[in-house]
């Protein structure tokens, strides 16, 4: 006999990219569905490319089990949010099945991409651009 706690079992993880943060919960389900900030994935990520980035962890790992994904995204731009969601889903899949680690690590989905905008320094216009210099 299964209890209520076993039926509502989910795996949660946090993914990040630049300043975007994604908190994803994956629950085993009959069919695949992704909901982001109470919107469907096609409604939240309008372009097909962003949808493919968000779903890449499932597609590339070739996992047979279907999942219902609920995610909360904040910060960053739309592309960073898609990559942060991919990172969060990949981490949650590891909690579900540790055997997927080798496959996901090879694809680079478990690495938190550290590239971010460099801070502006005083005396400069941007991070490295200096004001125009005039000899005379």
Protein backbone atom coordinates (compact mmCIF):
# COMPACT_ATOMS: atom_id res chain seq x y z
CA UNK A 1 0.00 0.00 0.00
CA UNK A 2 1.46 3.38 -1.02
CA UNK A 3 1.21 6.41 1.21
CA UNK A 4 0.44 9.98 0.23
CA UNK A 5 4.09 10.98 0.79
CA UNK A 6 5.30 8.42 -1.76
CA UNK A 7 2.76 9.55 -4.37
CA UNK A 8 3.78 13.21 -4.11
CA UNK A 9 7.53 12.50 -4.13
CA UNK A 10 9.49 15.07 -6.09
CA UNK A 11 13.12 15.98 -6.67
CA UNK A 12 14.12 19.62 -6.31
CA UNK A 13 17.24 21.46 -7.46
CA UNK A 14 18.51 24.97 -8.13
CA UNK A 15 20.21 25.98 -11.38
CA UNK A 16 21.99 29.24 -12.12
CA UNK A 17 23.39 31.14 -15.11
CA UNK A 18 24.68 34.74 -14.98
CA UNK A 19 22.09 36.39 -12.69
CA UNK A 20 19.24 34.00 -13.54
CA UNK A 21 18.11 31.52 -10.90
CA UNK A 22 15.82 28.54 -11.52
CA UNK A 23 14.24 26.36 -8.82
CA UNK A 24 12.89 23.21 -10.45
CA UNK A 25 10.84 20.34 -9.07
CA UNK A 26 10.51 17.18 -11.11
CA UNK A 27 7.82 14.61 -10.34
CA UNK A 28 7.45 11.28 -12.17
CA UNK A 29 4.28 11.48 -14.28
CA UNK A 30 2.40 9.77 -17.12
CA UNK A 31 3.29 12.46 -19.67
CA UNK A 32 5.97 15.13 -20.02
CA UNK A 33 4.99 18.68 -19.02
CA UNK A 34 6.94 21.78 -18.01
CA UNK A 35 5.37 24.73 -16.20
CA UNK A 36 7.41 27.86 -15.51
CA UNK A 37 6.04 30.57 -13.18
CA UNK A 38 2.54 29.04 -13.64
CA UNK A 39 2.82 29.22 -17.45
CA UNK A 40 3.37 26.46 -20.00
CA UNK A 41 6.89 26.18 -21.47
CA UNK A 42 5.64 27.23 -24.94
CA UNK A 43 3.98 30.30 -23.43
CA UNK A 44 6.99 31.33 -21.30
CA UNK A 45 9.74 30.61 -23.85
CA UNK A 46 8.25 31.83 -27.13
CA UNK A 47 11.07 30.72 -29.44
CA UNK A 48 11.65 27.07 -30.29
CA UNK A 49 15.37 27.43 -29.50
CA UNK A 50 14.69 28.42 -25.86
CA UNK A 51 12.22 25.54 -25.47
CA UNK A 52 14.84 23.11 -26.79
CA UNK A 53 17.44 24.44 -24.32
CA UNK A 54 14.99 24.03 -21.43
CA UNK A 55 14.07 20.44 -22.43
CA UNK A 56 17.61 19.42 -23.44
CA UNK A 57 18.35 17.53 -20.21
CA UNK A 58 15.49 15.10 -20.89
CA UNK A 59 16.10 14.77 -24.63
CA UNK A 60 19.89 14.36 -24.51
CA UNK A 61 19.92 11.93 -21.55
CA UNK A 62 17.37 9.70 -23.38
CA UNK A 63 15.56 8.91 -20.12
CA UNK A 64 12.49 6.67 -20.53
CA UNK A 65 10.62 8.04 -17.50
CA UNK A 66 8.37 11.08 -18.12
CA UNK A 67 8.34 13.98 -15.65
CA UNK A 68 6.13 16.87 -14.65
CA UNK A 69 8.38 19.89 -14.11
CA UNK A 70 7.34 22.95 -12.13
CA UNK A 71 9.90 25.74 -12.01
CA UNK A 72 10.24 29.22 -10.59
CA UNK A 73 12.55 31.46 -12.62
CA UNK A 74 13.85 34.89 -11.66
CA UNK A 75 16.54 37.33 -12.74
CA UNK A 76 18.64 37.50 -15.89
CA UNK A 77 17.48 37.48 -19.47
CA UNK A 78 15.35 34.93 -21.31
CA UNK A 79 18.32 32.93 -22.64
CA UNK A 80 20.03 32.81 -19.24
CA UNK A 81 16.77 31.64 -17.68
CA UNK A 82 16.51 28.80 -20.20
CA UNK A 83 20.06 27.67 -19.41
CA UNK A 84 19.46 28.02 -15.66
CA UNK A 85 16.36 25.82 -16.02
CA UNK A 86 18.39 23.21 -17.93
CA UNK A 87 20.97 23.27 -15.12
CA UNK A 88 18.26 22.85 -12.45
CA UNK A 89 16.53 19.98 -14.28
CA UNK A 90 19.88 18.22 -14.78
CA UNK A 91 20.67 18.49 -11.08
CA UNK A 92 17.20 17.21 -10.14
CA UNK A 93 17.61 14.24 -12.52
CA UNK A 94 20.77 13.31 -10.60
CA UNK A 95 18.72 13.06 -7.40
CA UNK A 96 16.32 10.79 -9.28
CA UNK A 97 18.98 8.55 -10.87
CA UNK A 98 22.70 8.84 -10.17
CA UNK A 99 23.48 6.69 -13.24
CA UNK A 100 22.69 9.73 -15.47
CA UNK A 101 25.67 11.66 -14.05
CA UNK A 102 28.20 10.44 -16.63
CA UNK A 103 25.91 11.30 -19.55
CA UNK A 104 24.87 14.73 -18.23
CA UNK A 105 28.41 15.67 -17.20
CA UNK A 106 29.73 14.84 -20.69
CA UNK A 107 27.06 17.13 -22.21
CA UNK A 108 28.13 19.93 -19.84
CA UNK A 109 24.69 20.32 -18.23
CA UNK A 110 25.97 19.94 -14.66
CA UNK A 111 28.55 22.74 -14.91
CA UNK A 112 27.41 26.08 -13.59
CA UNK A 113 28.54 28.40 -16.39
CA UNK A 114 30.53 31.04 -14.46
CA UNK A 115 30.66 33.66 -17.22
CA UNK A 116 28.99 36.90 -16.15
CA UNK A 117 29.20 40.60 -16.96
CA UNK A 118 32.36 42.21 -15.61
CA UNK A 119 31.85 45.07 -13.16
CA UNK A 120 32.47 48.68 -14.20
CA UNK A 121 35.63 50.24 -12.80
CA UNK A 122 35.85 53.88 -11.71
CA UNK A 123 37.54 56.21 -14.18
CA UNK A 124 36.34 54.06 -17.08
CA UNK A 125 33.20 54.18 -19.18
CA UNK A 126 32.54 50.42 -19.04
CA UNK A 127 34.45 47.47 -17.58
CA UNK A 128 37.52 48.09 -19.76
CA UNK A 129 36.61 50.94 -22.14
CA UNK A 130 38.47 54.10 -21.21
CA UNK A 131 37.45 57.67 -22.06
CA UNK A 132 38.79 59.11 -25.31
CA UNK A 133 42.32 60.41 -24.91
CA UNK A 134 43.45 63.61 -26.55
CA UNK A 135 47.10 64.63 -26.82
CA UNK A 136 46.29 68.30 -27.46
